[in-house]
């Protein structure tokens, strides 16, 4: 995996988790933090996030798995021959992705029709 791909996947993952957290955990205490997305000797990318503790743990777990992905050309986790997520976390991430993906897709469609 390249630095660019790692950053893109981490930013996408953050967007999904942030939307989920905003809509599902709105009343919970959220902390502002920065994740330094780094790959080998490349300059780190700083990703600021504002999540509740549960969603922060999910983001950090997923980032760790992305960082340690053994594939040069990373497949989608659903199609991966040897998944690195624990089953319970995979289900949790899949639920977040389904929830947020639907809402992000609808937002794009709404923007198309509003133009």
Protein backbone atom coordinates (compact mmCIF):
# COMPACT_ATOMS: atom_id res chain seq x y z
CA UNK A 1 0.00 0.00 0.00
CA UNK A 2 1.24 3.48 -0.80
CA UNK A 3 1.19 6.57 1.44
CA UNK A 4 -1.45 8.14 -0.81
CA UNK A 5 -3.71 5.08 -0.57
CA UNK A 6 -3.27 4.88 3.21
CA UNK A 7 -4.20 8.54 3.62
CA UNK A 8 -7.21 8.22 1.25
CA UNK A 9 -8.50 5.12 3.03
CA UNK A 10 -7.99 6.67 6.47
CA UNK A 11 -9.76 9.91 5.48
CA UNK A 12 -12.65 7.92 3.99
CA UNK A 13 -12.90 5.78 7.10
CA UNK A 14 -12.88 8.92 9.24
CA UNK A 15 -15.71 10.47 7.18
CA UNK A 16 -17.86 7.37 7.66
CA UNK A 17 -17.17 7.09 11.41
CA UNK A 18 -17.57 10.85 11.99
CA UNK A 19 -20.99 10.91 10.30
CA UNK A 20 -22.07 7.84 12.27
CA UNK A 21 -20.81 9.35 15.54
CA UNK A 22 -22.47 12.71 14.84
CA UNK A 23 -25.86 11.12 14.23
CA UNK A 24 -25.79 8.22 16.69
CA UNK A 25 -23.75 9.59 19.61
CA UNK A 26 -24.65 13.27 19.45
CA UNK A 27 -25.07 13.78 23.20
CA UNK A 28 -21.84 12.04 24.22
CA UNK A 29 -18.67 13.78 25.30
CA UNK A 30 -16.35 14.11 22.33
CA UNK A 31 -12.67 14.98 22.34
CA UNK A 32 -10.76 16.82 19.62
CA UNK A 33 -7.59 14.96 18.66
CA UNK A 34 -5.16 14.53 15.79
CA UNK A 35 -4.17 11.25 14.13
CA UNK A 36 -0.76 11.30 12.42
CA UNK A 37 -1.18 9.09 9.37
CA UNK A 38 2.31 7.98 8.43
CA UNK A 39 3.75 5.43 6.08
CA UNK A 40 7.40 4.35 6.12
CA UNK A 41 9.57 7.48 5.68
CA UNK A 42 6.91 9.73 4.14
CA UNK A 43 5.81 13.01 5.70
CA UNK A 44 2.89 12.30 8.07
CA UNK A 45 -0.58 13.53 7.22
CA UNK A 46 -2.45 15.07 10.17
CA UNK A 47 -6.10 14.09 10.45
CA UNK A 48 -8.07 16.10 13.01
CA UNK A 49 -11.10 14.37 14.45
CA UNK A 50 -13.77 15.02 17.03
CA UNK A 51 -15.30 11.70 18.14
CA UNK A 52 -16.74 10.05 21.22
CA UNK A 53 -14.54 7.47 22.94
CA UNK A 54 -16.19 4.43 21.33
CA UNK A 55 -15.89 5.86 17.81
CA UNK A 56 -12.33 7.02 18.47
CA UNK A 57 -11.41 3.47 19.48
CA UNK A 58 -13.04 2.17 16.29
CA UNK A 59 -11.10 4.67 14.16
CA UNK A 60 -7.78 3.85 15.84
CA UNK A 61 -8.39 0.09 15.55
CA UNK A 62 -9.22 0.43 11.86
CA UNK A 63 -6.23 2.68 11.20
CA UNK A 64 -3.93 0.16 12.85
CA UNK A 65 -5.34 -2.58 10.61
CA UNK A 66 -4.94 -0.39 7.52
CA UNK A 67 -1.34 0.39 8.45
CA UNK A 68 -0.52 -3.29 8.81
CA UNK A 69 -2.30 -4.48 5.67
CA UNK A 70 0.08 -6.94 3.98
CA UNK A 71 -1.34 -6.40 0.48
CA UNK A 72 0.42 -4.18 -2.04
CA UNK A 73 -2.86 -3.66 -3.88
CA UNK A 74 -5.32 -3.53 -0.99
CA UNK A 75 -8.62 -5.28 -1.77
CA UNK A 76 -11.83 -4.21 -0.09
CA UNK A 77 -12.04 -5.85 3.31
CA UNK A 78 -15.14 -7.75 2.18
CA UNK A 79 -13.16 -9.44 -0.61
CA UNK A 80 -9.89 -9.93 1.30
CA UNK A 81 -8.60 -13.53 1.26
CA UNK A 82 -7.15 -13.19 4.79
CA UNK A 83 -9.04 -10.50 6.74
CA UNK A 84 -7.20 -8.80 9.59
CA UNK A 85 -10.26 -7.50 11.46
CA UNK A 86 -11.65 -9.48 14.37
CA UNK A 87 -15.14 -10.72 13.49
CA UNK A 88 -16.92 -8.47 16.02
CA UNK A 89 -15.04 -5.37 14.83
CA UNK A 90 -15.61 -6.28 11.18
CA UNK A 91 -19.37 -6.40 11.85
CA UNK A 92 -19.21 -3.08 13.68
CA UNK A 93 -17.30 -1.37 10.86
CA UNK A 94 -19.60 -2.92 8.24
CA UNK A 95 -22.61 -1.47 10.10
CA UNK A 96 -21.00 1.96 10.28
CA UNK A 97 -20.10 1.83 6.58
CA UNK A 98 -23.63 0.80 5.59
CA UNK A 99 -25.24 3.49 7.74
CA UNK A 100 -22.92 6.30 6.65
CA UNK A 101 -22.52 5.17 3.06
CA UNK A 102 -26.25 5.38 2.50
CA UNK A 103 -26.41 8.88 3.97
CA UNK A 104 -23.34 10.13 2.09
CA UNK A 105 -24.77 8.73 -1.15
CA UNK A 106 -28.12 10.40 -0.55
CA UNK A 107 -26.34 13.68 0.11
CA UNK A 108 -24.63 13.46 -3.30
CA UNK A 109 -27.94 12.72 -5.01
CA UNK A 110 -29.66 15.63 -3.25
CA UNK A 111 -26.86 17.97 -4.39
CA UNK A 112 -27.29 16.81 -8.00
CA UNK A 113 -31.02 17.55 -7.98
CA UNK A 114 -30.66 20.89 -6.20
CA UNK A 115 -28.44 22.29 -8.99
